[in-house]
Protein backbone atom coordinates (compact mmCIF):
# COMPACT_ATOMS: atom_id res chain seq x y z
CA UNK A 1 0.00 0.00 0.00
CA UNK A 2 1.34 3.41 -0.94
CA UNK A 3 2.01 5.46 2.16
CA UNK A 4 0.49 8.89 2.38
CA UNK A 5 1.57 12.23 3.74
CA UNK A 6 -0.63 13.94 6.36
CA UNK A 7 -2.95 16.78 5.37
CA UNK A 8 -3.16 15.97 1.69
CA UNK A 9 -5.85 17.64 -0.39
CA UNK A 10 -7.34 16.30 -3.56
CA UNK A 11 -7.50 19.96 -4.56
CA UNK A 12 -6.88 23.20 -2.75
CA UNK A 13 -10.48 24.34 -2.90
CA UNK A 14 -13.04 21.90 -1.44
CA UNK A 15 -15.13 22.53 -4.55
CA UNK A 16 -12.51 22.17 -7.27
CA UNK A 17 -14.95 21.68 -10.13
CA UNK A 18 -16.98 24.68 -8.97
CA UNK A 19 -13.87 26.89 -9.00
CA UNK A 20 -13.07 25.72 -12.52
CA UNK A 21 -16.58 26.77 -13.53
CA UNK A 22 -16.43 30.13 -11.82
CA UNK A 23 -12.93 31.01 -13.01
CA UNK A 24 -12.54 29.32 -16.38
CA UNK A 25 -16.18 29.60 -17.40
CA UNK A 26 -16.66 33.35 -17.00
CA UNK A 27 -18.56 34.39 -20.06
CA UNK A 28 -19.61 37.98 -20.49
CA UNK A 29 -21.67 40.13 -22.81
CA UNK A 30 -20.85 43.63 -23.98
CA UNK A 31 -23.52 46.27 -24.58
CA UNK A 32 -22.50 49.19 -26.79
CA UNK A 33 -23.73 52.73 -27.20
CA UNK A 34 -22.27 55.84 -28.81
CA UNK A 35 -22.80 59.59 -28.82
CA UNK A 36 -22.04 62.47 -31.18
CA UNK A 37 -21.04 60.24 -34.08
CA UNK A 38 -19.90 61.77 -37.35
CA UNK A 39 -22.73 62.53 -39.77
CA UNK A 40 -21.53 61.51 -43.21
CA UNK A 41 -24.94 61.34 -44.93
CA UNK A 42 -26.24 64.27 -46.94
CA UNK A 43 -30.02 64.02 -46.65
CA UNK A 44 -30.17 62.06 -43.38
CA UNK A 45 -28.06 61.00 -40.44
CA UNK A 46 -25.54 58.14 -40.32
CA UNK A 47 -26.77 54.55 -40.02
CA UNK A 48 -24.19 53.14 -37.54
CA UNK A 49 -23.11 49.57 -36.88
CA UNK A 50 -20.38 48.47 -34.45
CA UNK A 51 -17.85 45.73 -35.14
CA UNK A 52 -15.81 44.27 -32.26
CA UNK A 53 -12.39 42.63 -32.59
CA UNK A 54 -9.99 40.98 -30.17
CA UNK A 55 -6.24 41.32 -30.64
CA UNK A 56 -4.49 37.94 -31.02
CA UNK A 57 -1.00 37.10 -29.75
CA UNK A 58 0.56 37.89 -33.11
CA UNK A 59 -1.01 41.36 -33.10
CA UNK A 60 -3.65 40.59 -35.73
CA UNK A 61 -7.33 41.27 -35.11
CA UNK A 62 -10.05 38.62 -34.95
CA UNK A 63 -13.66 39.71 -35.33
CA UNK A 64 -15.87 38.46 -32.48
CA UNK A 65 -19.18 40.12 -33.26
CA UNK A 66 -21.29 42.84 -34.87
CA UNK A 67 -24.27 44.80 -33.68
CA UNK A 68 -27.37 45.55 -35.71
CA UNK A 69 -27.62 48.68 -37.88
CA UNK A 70 -29.51 51.62 -36.37
CA UNK A 71 -31.02 54.00 -38.93
CA UNK A 72 -30.59 57.78 -38.86
CA UNK A 73 -29.01 58.03 -35.43
CA UNK A 74 -25.86 59.77 -34.20
CA UNK A 75 -26.42 58.59 -30.61
CA UNK A 76 -27.15 54.88 -31.01
CA UNK A 77 -27.73 52.36 -28.22
CA UNK A 78 -27.40 49.00 -29.90
CA UNK A 79 -29.60 46.14 -28.72
CA UNK A 80 -27.38 43.34 -29.98
CA UNK A 81 -24.88 42.02 -27.42
CA UNK A 82 -21.33 40.84 -28.07
CA UNK A 83 -20.38 37.61 -26.26
CA UNK A 84 -16.81 37.06 -25.05
CA UNK A 85 -15.10 34.73 -22.60
CA UNK A 86 -13.17 36.55 -19.87
CA UNK A 87 -9.72 35.19 -18.98
CA UNK A 88 -7.98 36.76 -16.00
CA UNK A 89 -4.51 35.58 -17.01
CA UNK A 90 -4.58 37.20 -20.47
CA UNK A 91 -4.50 40.84 -21.53
CA UNK A 92 -7.57 40.84 -23.79
CA UNK A 93 -7.32 43.93 -25.98
CA UNK A 94 -10.58 44.84 -27.72
CA UNK A 95 -10.96 47.10 -30.74
CA UNK A 96 -14.33 48.69 -31.57
CA UNK A 97 -14.91 50.01 -35.09
CA UNK A 98 -18.00 52.01 -36.01
CA UNK A 99 -19.28 52.13 -39.62
CA UNK A 100 -21.99 54.06 -41.44
CA UNK A 101 -23.88 51.47 -43.49
CA UNK A 102 -24.84 52.62 -46.97
CA UNK A 103 -28.58 52.59 -47.73
CA UNK A 104 -28.25 50.09 -50.56
CA UNK A 105 -26.97 47.45 -48.11
CA UNK A 106 -29.82 47.76 -45.60
CA UNK A 107 -31.38 44.50 -46.81
CA UNK A 108 -28.13 42.58 -46.36
CA UNK A 109 -27.60 40.64 -43.08
CA UNK A 110 -24.91 42.36 -41.02
CA UNK A 111 -22.77 39.24 -41.02
CA UNK A 112 -22.55 39.44 -44.81
CA UNK A 113 -21.70 43.15 -45.02
CA UNK A 114 -18.33 43.95 -46.60
CA UNK A 115 -16.74 46.58 -44.40
CA UNK A 116 -14.65 48.02 -47.20
CA UNK A 117 -17.91 49.12 -48.85
CA UNK A 118 -19.01 51.09 -45.77
CA UNK A 119 -17.88 54.47 -44.44
CA UNK A 120 -15.63 54.34 -41.39
CA UNK A 121 -16.79 56.60 -38.54
CA UNK A 122 -14.31 55.94 -35.77
CA UNK A 123 -12.43 53.45 -33.63
CA UNK A 124 -11.65 52.91 -29.94
CA UNK A 125 -9.80 50.24 -27.98
CA UNK A 126 -9.48 49.05 -24.40
CA UNK A 127 -8.60 45.97 -22.35
CA UNK A 128 -11.53 43.82 -21.19
CA UNK A 129 -10.34 43.92 -17.57
CA UNK A 130 -10.48 47.74 -17.70
CA UNK A 131 -14.27 47.46 -18.07
CA UNK A 132 -14.77 44.92 -15.27
CA UNK A 133 -12.68 46.90 -12.79
CA UNK A 134 -15.10 49.84 -13.06
CA UNK A 135 -17.69 49.78 -10.27
CA UNK A 136 -20.57 49.95 -12.76
CA UNK A 137 -18.66 47.83 -15.32
CA UNK A 138 -19.02 50.69 -17.80
CA UNK A 139 -16.18 52.36 -19.71
CA UNK A 140 -16.40 55.36 -22.08
CA UNK A 141 -13.70 55.92 -24.70
CA UNK A 142 -13.10 58.59 -27.30
CA UNK A 143 -13.52 57.45 -30.89
CA UNK A 144 -10.65 58.23 -33.23
CA UNK A 145 -10.77 58.99 -36.94
CA UNK A 146 -7.55 60.24 -38.51
CA UNK A 147 -9.49 62.38 -40.96
CA UNK A 148 -11.76 64.03 -38.39
CA UNK A 149 -10.97 65.82 -35.12
CA UNK A 150 -14.08 64.83 -33.16
CA UNK A 151 -15.46 61.39 -33.99
CA UNK A 152 -17.68 60.96 -30.94
CA UNK A 153 -17.65 58.74 -27.89
CA UNK A 154 -18.21 55.01 -27.37
CA UNK A 155 -19.55 53.48 -24.14
CA UNK A 156 -19.11 49.78 -23.34
CA UNK A 157 -20.97 48.03 -20.52
CA UNK A 158 -20.04 44.47 -19.50
CA UNK A 159 -22.19 41.86 -17.77
CA UNK A 160 -21.15 38.46 -16.51
CA UNK A 161 -23.47 35.80 -17.96
CA UNK A 162 -24.36 33.73 -14.92
CA UNK A 163 -27.52 31.69 -14.68
CA UNK A 164 -27.58 31.83 -10.88
CA UNK A 165 -25.30 32.52 -7.93
CA UNK A 166 -27.34 30.33 -5.58
CA UNK A 167 -25.46 27.49 -3.92
CA UNK A 168 -25.90 24.99 -1.11
CA UNK A 169 -23.12 25.01 1.50
CA UNK A 170 -22.86 21.55 3.07
CA UNK A 171 -20.70 20.07 5.82
CA UNK A 172 -20.38 16.29 5.51
CA UNK A 173 -19.42 13.80 8.22
CA UNK A 174 -19.01 10.03 8.12
CA UNK A 175 -18.98 7.37 10.82
CA UNK A 176 -17.64 3.81 11.00
CA UNK A 177 -16.02 3.74 7.57
CA UNK A 178 -14.34 0.53 6.47
CA UNK A 179 -10.57 0.56 6.92
CA UNK A 180 -8.72 -0.05 3.65
CA UNK A 181 -5.15 0.33 4.99
CA UNK A 182 -2.93 -2.26 6.66
CA UNK A 183 -0.75 -0.25 9.02
CA UNK A 184 -2.96 2.80 9.58
CA UNK A 185 -6.51 4.00 9.04
CA UNK A 186 -8.05 5.08 5.75
CA UNK A 187 -7.56 8.62 4.44
CA UNK A 188 -11.08 9.33 3.15
CA UNK A 189 -12.44 11.94 0.76
CA UNK A 190 -15.82 12.31 -0.95
CA UNK A 191 -16.53 12.74 -4.64
CA UNK A 192 -19.95 14.05 -5.62
CA UNK A 193 -21.31 13.44 -9.12
CA UNK A 194 -24.50 14.38 -10.94
CA UNK A 195 -26.39 11.59 -12.69
CA UNK A 196 -27.24 12.52 -16.30
CA UNK A 197 -29.97 11.17 -18.55
CA UNK A 198 -27.78 8.48 -20.11
CA UNK A 199 -27.17 7.09 -16.62
CA UNK A 200 -23.56 8.23 -16.45
CA UNK A 201 -22.21 10.22 -13.49
CA UNK A 202 -20.46 13.57 -14.06
CA UNK A 203 -18.19 14.66 -11.16
CA UNK A 204 -19.03 18.13 -9.84
CA UNK A 205 -17.27 18.40 -6.48
CA UNK A 206 -14.65 16.86 -4.17
CA UNK A 207 -13.82 17.29 -0.52
CA UNK A 208 -10.34 17.46 0.91
CA UNK A 209 -8.67 14.32 2.31
CA UNK A 210 -8.90 13.73 6.05
CA UNK A 211 -5.85 11.73 7.00
CA UNK A 212 -5.95 8.54 9.09
CA UNK A 213 -9.59 8.81 10.17
CA UNK A 214 -12.62 6.48 9.92
CA UNK A 215 -15.00 9.13 11.32
CA UNK A 216 -14.04 12.18 9.25
CA UNK A 217 -15.60 15.64 9.19
CA UNK A 218 -14.86 17.68 6.06
CA UNK A 219 -14.73 21.39 5.45
CA UNK A 220 -17.81 22.92 3.73
CA UNK A 221 -18.39 22.15 0.06
CA UNK A 222 -20.53 24.22 -2.28
CA UNK A 223 -23.00 22.86 -4.83
CA UNK A 224 -24.46 25.42 -7.22
CA UNK A 225 -27.79 25.20 -8.98
CA UNK A 226 -25.86 25.05 -12.27
CA UNK A 227 -24.29 21.83 -11.03
CA UNK A 228 -27.23 19.93 -9.59
CA UNK A 229 -30.14 21.57 -11.47
CA UNK A 230 -33.18 20.59 -9.42
CA UNK A 231 -32.96 19.65 -5.75
CA UNK A 232 -34.56 16.31 -6.65
CA UNK A 233 -32.03 15.38 -9.32
CA UNK A 234 -30.05 12.25 -8.35
CA UNK A 235 -26.51 12.65 -7.04
CA UNK A 236 -23.90 9.92 -6.51
CA UNK A 237 -21.62 10.33 -3.49
CA UNK A 238 -18.58 8.06 -3.39
CA UNK A 239 -16.17 7.76 -0.49
CA UNK A 240 -12.57 6.85 -1.38
CA UNK A 241 -9.41 6.03 0.52
CA UNK A 242 -6.77 8.37 -0.92
CA UNK A 243 -3.59 6.87 -2.44
CA UNK A 244 -0.80 9.14 -3.66
CA UNK A 245 -0.34 6.98 -6.79
CA UNK A 246 -3.82 8.00 -7.94
CA UNK A 247 -5.39 4.55 -7.53
CA UNK A 248 -7.90 5.51 -4.86
CA UNK A 249 -9.78 2.66 -3.15
CA UNK A 250 -13.58 2.81 -3.03
CA UNK A 251 -14.89 2.62 0.54
CA UNK A 252 -18.57 2.92 -0.33
CA UNK A 253 -21.10 4.82 -2.42
CA UNK A 254 -24.72 5.98 -2.23
CA UNK A 255 -27.37 7.76 -4.28
CA UNK A 256 -29.08 10.83 -2.90
CA UNK A 257 -30.21 14.35 -3.90
CA UNK A 258 -29.81 17.87 -2.55
CA UNK A 259 -33.34 17.63 -1.17
CA UNK A 260 -32.47 14.42 0.70
CA UNK A 261 -29.26 15.96 2.05
CA UNK A 262 -31.25 18.90 3.37
CA UNK A 263 -33.63 16.50 5.13
CA UNK A 264 -30.71 14.56 6.63
CA UNK A 265 -29.54 17.80 8.20
CA UNK A 266 -32.98 18.73 9.53
CA UNK A 267 -33.68 15.27 10.94
CA UNK A 268 -30.11 14.65 12.19
CA UNK A 269 -30.10 11.19 10.62
CA UNK A 270 -27.59 9.39 8.43
CA UNK A 271 -27.66 7.33 5.25
CA UNK A 272 -25.71 4.09 4.78
CA UNK A 273 -23.08 3.51 2.14
CA UNK A 274 -23.35 0.46 -0.10
CA UNK A 275 -20.73 -1.55 -1.96
CA UNK A 276 -21.36 -3.44 -5.23
CA UNK A 277 -20.96 -7.14 -4.45
CA UNK A 278 -21.72 -10.05 -6.84
CA UNK A 279 -24.27 -8.09 -8.82
CA UNK A 280 -25.98 -6.76 -5.72
CA UNK A 281 -25.44 -3.89 -3.31
CA UNK A 282 -24.14 -4.76 0.14
CA UNK A 283 -25.23 -2.31 2.84
CA UNK A 284 -22.23 -1.16 4.88
CA UNK A 285 -21.85 -0.04 8.47
CA UNK A 286 -20.43 3.31 7.40
CA UNK A 287 -22.88 6.20 7.20
CA UNK A 288 -22.96 9.74 5.80
CA UNK A 289 -24.33 12.64 7.87
CA UNK A 290 -24.94 16.30 7.07
CA UNK A 291 -23.72 18.45 9.97
CA UNK A 292 -24.59 21.78 8.31
CA UNK A 293 -26.71 22.89 5.39
CA UNK A 294 -27.48 26.40 4.24
CA UNK A 295 -28.30 28.10 0.98
CA UNK A 296 -26.24 31.14 0.07
CA UNK A 297 -24.99 33.22 -2.81
CA UNK A 298 -21.60 32.24 -4.19
CA UNK A 299 -19.84 35.21 -5.72
CA UNK A 300 -17.44 35.10 -8.64
CA UNK A 301 -14.04 36.73 -9.03
CA UNK A 302 -15.60 39.43 -11.21
CA UNK A 303 -18.26 40.13 -8.58
CA UNK A 304 -15.48 41.17 -6.20
CA UNK A 305 -13.39 43.06 -8.75
CA UNK A 306 -16.29 45.09 -10.14
CA UNK A 307 -17.37 46.06 -6.61
CA UNK A 308 -14.04 47.70 -5.80
CA UNK A 309 -11.74 44.88 -4.64
CA UNK A 310 -8.16 45.28 -5.87
CA UNK A 311 -5.06 43.21 -6.56
CA UNK A 312 -1.90 44.94 -5.30
CA UNK A 313 1.24 43.93 -7.18
CA UNK A 314 4.67 43.48 -5.53
CA UNK A 315 7.97 42.26 -7.02
CA UNK A 316 11.14 40.73 -5.55
CA UNK A 317 14.22 40.23 -7.78
CA UNK A 318 17.12 37.83 -7.18
CA UNK A 319 20.48 39.66 -6.93
CA UNK A 320 22.62 36.62 -6.09
CA UNK A 321 25.97 36.07 -7.82
CA UNK A 322 24.82 32.91 -9.60
CA UNK A 323 23.05 35.17 -12.11
CA UNK A 324 26.43 36.16 -13.53
CA UNK A 325 28.07 39.55 -13.96
CA UNK A 326 25.42 41.93 -15.38
CA UNK A 327 28.04 43.39 -17.73
CA UNK A 328 28.57 39.98 -19.31
CA UNK A 329 26.20 39.11 -22.16
CA UNK A 330 25.78 35.60 -20.70
CA UNK A 331 24.40 37.00 -17.44
CA UNK A 332 20.70 36.59 -16.68
CA UNK A 333 20.79 40.26 -15.63
CA UNK A 334 22.45 41.53 -18.83
CA UNK A 335 20.58 44.55 -20.23
CA UNK A 336 20.22 44.30 -24.00
CA UNK A 337 18.42 47.32 -25.53
CA UNK A 338 17.10 45.12 -28.33
CA UNK A 339 15.33 42.54 -26.15
CA UNK A 340 14.19 41.89 -22.59
CA UNK A 341 16.17 39.62 -20.28
CA UNK A 342 14.32 36.92 -18.30
CA UNK A 343 13.76 39.19 -15.29
CA UNK A 344 12.42 42.04 -17.40
CA UNK A 345 10.20 39.66 -19.34
CA UNK A 346 8.63 38.25 -16.15
CA UNK A 347 8.04 41.72 -14.70
CA UNK A 348 6.48 43.01 -17.91
CA UNK A 349 4.24 40.03 -18.67
CA UNK A 350 2.85 39.59 -15.16
CA UNK A 351 2.66 43.32 -14.47
CA UNK A 352 0.77 44.04 -17.70
CA UNK A 353 -2.03 41.72 -16.55
CA UNK A 354 -2.28 42.71 -12.88
CA UNK A 355 -1.84 46.48 -13.28
CA UNK A 356 -5.46 46.90 -14.39
CA UNK A 357 -6.68 45.58 -11.02
CA UNK A 358 -4.72 48.17 -8.98
CA UNK A 359 -6.24 51.67 -9.03
CA UNK A 360 -3.16 53.71 -8.07
CA UNK A 361 -0.65 51.50 -9.91
CA UNK A 362 1.99 52.03 -7.24
CA UNK A 363 3.94 48.80 -6.74
CA UNK A 364 6.42 47.69 -4.07
CA UNK A 365 9.69 46.46 -5.60
CA UNK A 366 12.49 44.73 -3.67
CA UNK A 367 15.72 42.92 -4.31
CA UNK A 368 17.33 40.14 -2.28
CA UNK A 369 20.76 38.54 -2.09
CA UNK A 370 22.70 41.68 -3.07
CA UNK A 371 25.31 43.89 -1.43
CA UNK A 372 23.89 47.40 -1.23
CA UNK A 373 25.78 50.70 -1.36
CA UNK A 374 26.09 50.60 2.45
CA UNK A 375 28.27 47.50 2.04
CA UNK A 376 25.82 45.10 3.67
CA UNK A 377 24.31 41.97 2.13
CA UNK A 378 20.55 42.44 2.24
CA UNK A 379 17.80 39.92 1.64
CA UNK A 380 15.12 42.57 1.29
CA UNK A 381 16.15 46.00 -0.01
CA UNK A 382 14.15 48.60 -1.92
CA UNK A 383 14.95 48.57 -5.62
CA UNK A 384 14.46 52.33 -5.82
CA UNK A 385 17.24 52.82 -3.21
CA UNK A 386 14.85 54.75 -0.96
CA UNK A 387 15.43 54.06 2.74
CA UNK A 388 11.76 54.61 3.52
CA UNK A 389 9.45 53.69 0.65
CA UNK A 390 9.55 50.60 -1.56
CA UNK A 391 6.85 51.76 -3.99
CA UNK A 392 7.42 52.87 -7.58
CA UNK A 393 4.93 54.13 -10.15
CA UNK A 394 3.74 51.65 -12.75
CA UNK A 395 5.48 48.80 -14.52
CA UNK A 396 7.83 51.36 -16.05
CA UNK A 397 8.83 52.38 -12.53
CA UNK A 398 9.71 48.78 -11.63
CA UNK A 399 11.79 48.41 -14.79
CA UNK A 400 13.63 51.68 -14.14
CA UNK A 401 14.32 50.81 -10.50
CA UNK A 402 15.58 47.36 -11.52
CA UNK A 403 17.92 48.81 -14.15
CA UNK A 404 19.21 51.39 -11.68
CA UNK A 405 19.79 48.82 -8.93
CA UNK A 406 21.97 46.77 -11.28
CA UNK A 407 24.34 49.77 -11.38
CA UNK A 408 24.58 50.20 -7.60
CA UNK A 409 24.00 46.77 -6.02
CA UNK A 410 26.70 44.09 -6.18
CA UNK A 411 25.46 40.54 -6.76
CA UNK A 412 26.12 38.34 -3.76
CA UNK A 413 24.08 35.67 -1.96
CA UNK A 414 22.83 33.32 -0.63
CA UNK A 415 19.28 32.81 -2.01
CA UNK A 416 16.85 33.55 0.83
CA UNK A 417 13.12 34.16 0.34
CA UNK A 418 12.10 34.42 3.99
CA UNK A 419 12.55 38.16 4.48
CA UNK A 420 10.73 39.31 1.32
CA UNK A 421 7.83 36.96 2.10
CA UNK A 422 7.67 38.30 5.66
CA UNK A 423 7.72 41.86 4.29
CA UNK A 424 4.91 41.18 1.84
CA UNK A 425 2.93 39.41 4.58
CA UNK A 426 3.44 42.37 6.90
CA UNK A 427 1.97 44.75 4.31
CA UNK A 428 -0.96 42.40 3.62
CA UNK A 429 -1.63 41.97 7.34
CA UNK A 430 -1.55 45.72 8.02
CA UNK A 431 -4.05 46.35 5.22
CA UNK A 432 -6.68 44.32 7.11
CA UNK A 433 -6.75 47.00 9.79
CA UNK A 434 -8.23 49.42 7.25
CA UNK A 435 -9.93 47.37 4.55
CA UNK A 436 -10.77 43.84 3.49
CA UNK A 437 -10.94 44.77 -0.17
CA UNK A 438 -7.22 44.48 -0.98
CA UNK A 439 -5.50 41.28 -2.05
CA UNK A 440 -1.73 41.20 -2.56
CA UNK A 441 0.28 39.39 -5.23
CA UNK A 442 4.05 38.97 -4.75
CA UNK A 443 6.12 38.00 -7.80
CA UNK A 444 9.50 36.45 -6.90
CA UNK A 445 11.94 35.98 -9.78
CA UNK A 446 14.96 33.79 -9.02
CA UNK A 447 17.67 31.75 -10.67
CA UNK A 448 18.86 29.74 -7.73
CA UNK A 449 18.35 26.97 -5.25
CA UNK A 450 16.88 28.03 -1.91
CA UNK A 451 19.32 28.27 0.99
CA UNK A 452 16.54 28.70 3.55
CA UNK A 453 13.84 26.15 2.57
CA UNK A 454 12.45 25.70 6.09
CA UNK A 455 12.42 29.44 6.86
CA UNK A 456 10.62 29.96 3.54
CA UNK A 457 8.06 27.27 4.34
CA UNK A 458 7.50 28.76 7.80
CA UNK A 459 6.90 32.17 6.22
CA UNK A 460 4.51 30.71 3.63
CA UNK A 461 2.49 28.80 6.25
CA UNK A 462 2.13 31.96 8.30
CA UNK A 463 1.19 34.00 5.22
CA UNK A 464 -1.51 31.49 4.15
CA UNK A 465 -3.93 33.20 6.57
CA UNK A 466 -3.47 36.56 4.84
CA UNK A 467 -4.82 38.10 1.60
CA UNK A 468 -1.66 37.17 -0.28
CA UNK A 469 -0.59 34.98 -3.19
CA UNK A 470 3.00 34.35 -4.23
CA UNK A 471 4.10 33.76 -7.81
CA UNK A 472 7.59 32.34 -8.36
CA UNK A 473 9.32 32.39 -11.74
CA UNK A 474 12.47 30.31 -12.08
CA UNK A 475 14.96 31.61 -14.65
CA UNK A 476 18.14 29.96 -15.86
CA UNK A 477 19.21 26.32 -15.68
CA UNK A 478 19.20 25.64 -11.91
CA UNK A 479 17.55 22.65 -10.24
CA UNK A 480 14.16 23.97 -9.12
CA UNK A 481 12.97 20.84 -7.29
CA UNK A 482 12.60 22.79 -4.04
CA UNK A 483 10.29 25.26 -5.74
CA UNK A 484 7.97 22.45 -6.77
CA UNK A 485 7.67 21.54 -3.08
CA UNK A 486 6.59 25.10 -2.24
CA UNK A 487 3.81 24.84 -4.85
CA UNK A 488 1.15 22.58 -3.33
CA UNK A 489 -0.45 21.64 -6.67
CA UNK A 490 0.26 17.94 -6.08
CA UNK A 491 -1.70 17.93 -2.85
CA UNK A 492 1.03 18.21 -0.22
CA UNK A 493 0.12 21.06 2.12
CA UNK A 494 3.11 22.90 3.54
CA UNK A 495 3.95 22.20 7.19
CA UNK A 496 5.95 24.61 9.33
CA UNK A 497 8.77 23.64 11.68
CA UNK A 498 6.29 23.92 14.56
CA UNK A 499 3.89 21.45 12.92
CA UNK A 500 1.36 23.99 11.71
CA UNK A 501 -0.31 23.22 8.37
CA UNK A 502 -0.87 25.91 5.73
CA UNK A 503 -4.46 27.13 5.62
CA UNK A 504 -4.43 27.12 1.83
CA UNK A 505 -2.10 26.94 -1.15
CA UNK A 506 -0.82 30.44 -1.94
CA UNK A 507 2.15 29.60 -4.22
CA UNK A 508 2.33 29.07 -7.96
CA UNK A 509 5.74 28.20 -9.45
CA UNK A 510 6.67 28.20 -13.13
CA UNK A 511 10.20 27.54 -14.48
CA UNK A 512 10.58 29.75 -17.54
CA UNK A 513 12.65 27.17 -19.40
CA UNK A 514 9.74 24.70 -19.34
CA UNK A 515 7.49 27.06 -21.28
CA UNK A 516 8.22 25.90 -24.81
CA UNK A 517 7.27 27.67 -28.00
CA UNK A 518 3.69 26.93 -28.98
CA UNK A 519 2.68 25.89 -25.46
CA UNK A 520 0.87 27.97 -22.87
CA UNK A 521 2.71 31.28 -22.33
CA UNK A 522 4.54 31.76 -19.04
CA UNK A 523 2.19 34.44 -17.75
CA UNK A 524 -0.90 32.28 -18.34
CA UNK A 525 0.61 29.29 -16.54
CA UNK A 526 1.67 31.54 -13.67
CA UNK A 527 -1.61 33.42 -13.20
CA UNK A 528 -4.26 30.79 -13.92
CA UNK A 529 -4.61 29.75 -10.26
CA UNK A 530 -4.67 33.29 -8.83
CA UNK A 531 -8.44 33.93 -9.07
CA UNK A 532 -9.07 30.60 -7.33
CA UNK A 533 -6.68 31.48 -4.50
CA UNK A 534 -8.39 34.86 -4.20
CA UNK A 535 -11.84 33.23 -4.01
CA UNK A 536 -10.71 30.62 -1.49
CA UNK A 537 -9.48 33.37 0.83
CA UNK A 538 -12.60 35.55 0.51
CA UNK A 539 -15.02 32.65 0.83
CA UNK A 540 -13.28 31.11 3.84
CA UNK A 541 -13.66 34.41 5.69
CA UNK A 542 -17.18 35.06 4.43
CA UNK A 543 -16.07 38.34 2.85
CA UNK A 544 -18.69 39.52 0.38
CA UNK A 545 -18.45 41.98 -2.52
CA UNK A 546 -19.29 45.58 -1.66
CA UNK A 547 -22.62 47.10 -2.72
CA UNK A 548 -22.99 44.47 -5.42
CA UNK A 549 -25.94 44.46 -7.76
CA UNK A 550 -26.47 40.70 -8.08
CA UNK A 551 -28.92 40.74 -10.94
CA UNK A 552 -27.88 37.95 -13.27
CA UNK A 553 -27.65 38.08 -17.03
CA UNK A 554 -28.64 35.15 -19.19
CA UNK A 555 -26.74 34.51 -22.43
CA UNK A 556 -28.40 36.61 -25.17
CA UNK A 557 -29.86 35.21 -28.36
CA UNK A 558 -27.74 35.60 -31.48
CA UNK A 559 -27.76 39.11 -32.91
CA UNK A 560 -27.17 37.72 -36.40
CA UNK A 561 -30.24 35.51 -36.77
CA UNK A 562 -32.55 38.28 -38.03
CA UNK A 563 -32.49 38.74 -41.83
CA UNK A 564 -31.78 42.48 -41.88
CA UNK A 565 -30.82 43.48 -38.32
CA UNK A 566 -32.14 47.02 -38.67
CA UNK A 567 -33.41 49.17 -35.82
CA UNK A 568 -35.44 52.23 -36.74
């Protein structure tokens, strides 16, 4: 039997599949309106139509939708919506082009219109996250036309397309489970699946693993109405004994429904597991109980962001000697005017995404492992050389401070993360005294092997209670095995030297050399877990969005199905 490590989680969030839905499945619709458009018609006003594009990685534009044509109107409010999937980890640049549709094409479906035959009125662009970070999710931009001075204004309003935010929060408990281990007790977890019409079961949720326990109590799980549909729809709950090799052993299973689970809670009764045996179902001694049941609203990442919550960006750069002399072209710190080095690339790519979620765009920037102008080796010094303030303005400010520090700080060592993590945690902790709407993101860029692994783990375990996530980018050819240990993706929760277990996983590590051409870009791999870590923190502390209008928006019908798509 494969031995297990204490405090293993099947996933960081007790509702892994739910988080995937909330984070990966965020679809939105854009509503467009304009004012003071150019009037290019002689006997009437312009007949405007909007075309929306998204900028691809290679810089080219891909059309994602068109509105209907509105006749004789310089202040149109288009009815047709533009659908787009929101991705936190990508800078999604949108381009909006407005055209005056010639009268002879009014009987042509908008999808078939050739834009080169229409008169161009103006163009505007923005990043999708810019819209969602506005409290009313509405952004107004000036339209540009190189041939005209004033081309009007465009207003874009975004809505998240969510069928419902309603969810059932459930605390499960089991008693008298069968023991599947030889030298210890089972390490049970639950998997909940929805039964579909064909009779198959589709997994929708998992609990964490409770180590070495035949009478486990799990942390709350959340089942949304999108997942289970009706309260009477059948659910399959399976209890497994966790094995680190992935071959989990079935302890028992049962069929139930959300309605039945609610009744189990009210009546304080249990339901027995069964085990398939020779074509029949053997009733087991082990039972499932519901210790808590309540219905609540489950908010998405965008619910928080659009209500004023912010991500505050911080950076820590490795100044150890293993990077090589910055004046040598082989150095990881070598500044080449024609291209970014690995450190600059990481700062730019991550910063370009997160900057839109920080209203003042003032970022703390530190270095570690370098000998400062005072002659001391420091493991947390301000990149801007200020003795008092670590903040710089914008991504450009970080880049300038980094370049300047390379001229004044001598590379030294060893590689210690503890102090910069403690500093970031201190800032995150102090923010709670004034507001719960700030969440901090520390980017650590390093080329080396940790000299203080236990001190780093202790700092991370302590920081796991705070509104903080830590992104680590490994550059160069070093052995980054230790970094993989810090990232709890494989289920091993960090444990401090005092025996304390991390409250949650707050680290994401990506070695830059492993991001090959054609695969997922470094910034996407690094940031894809951040919204989930944010949600886990907010939900565990029952922190709700501020002054949120929770009206939901259903996906709109196609705006291209009508034959002419004209609005008078």
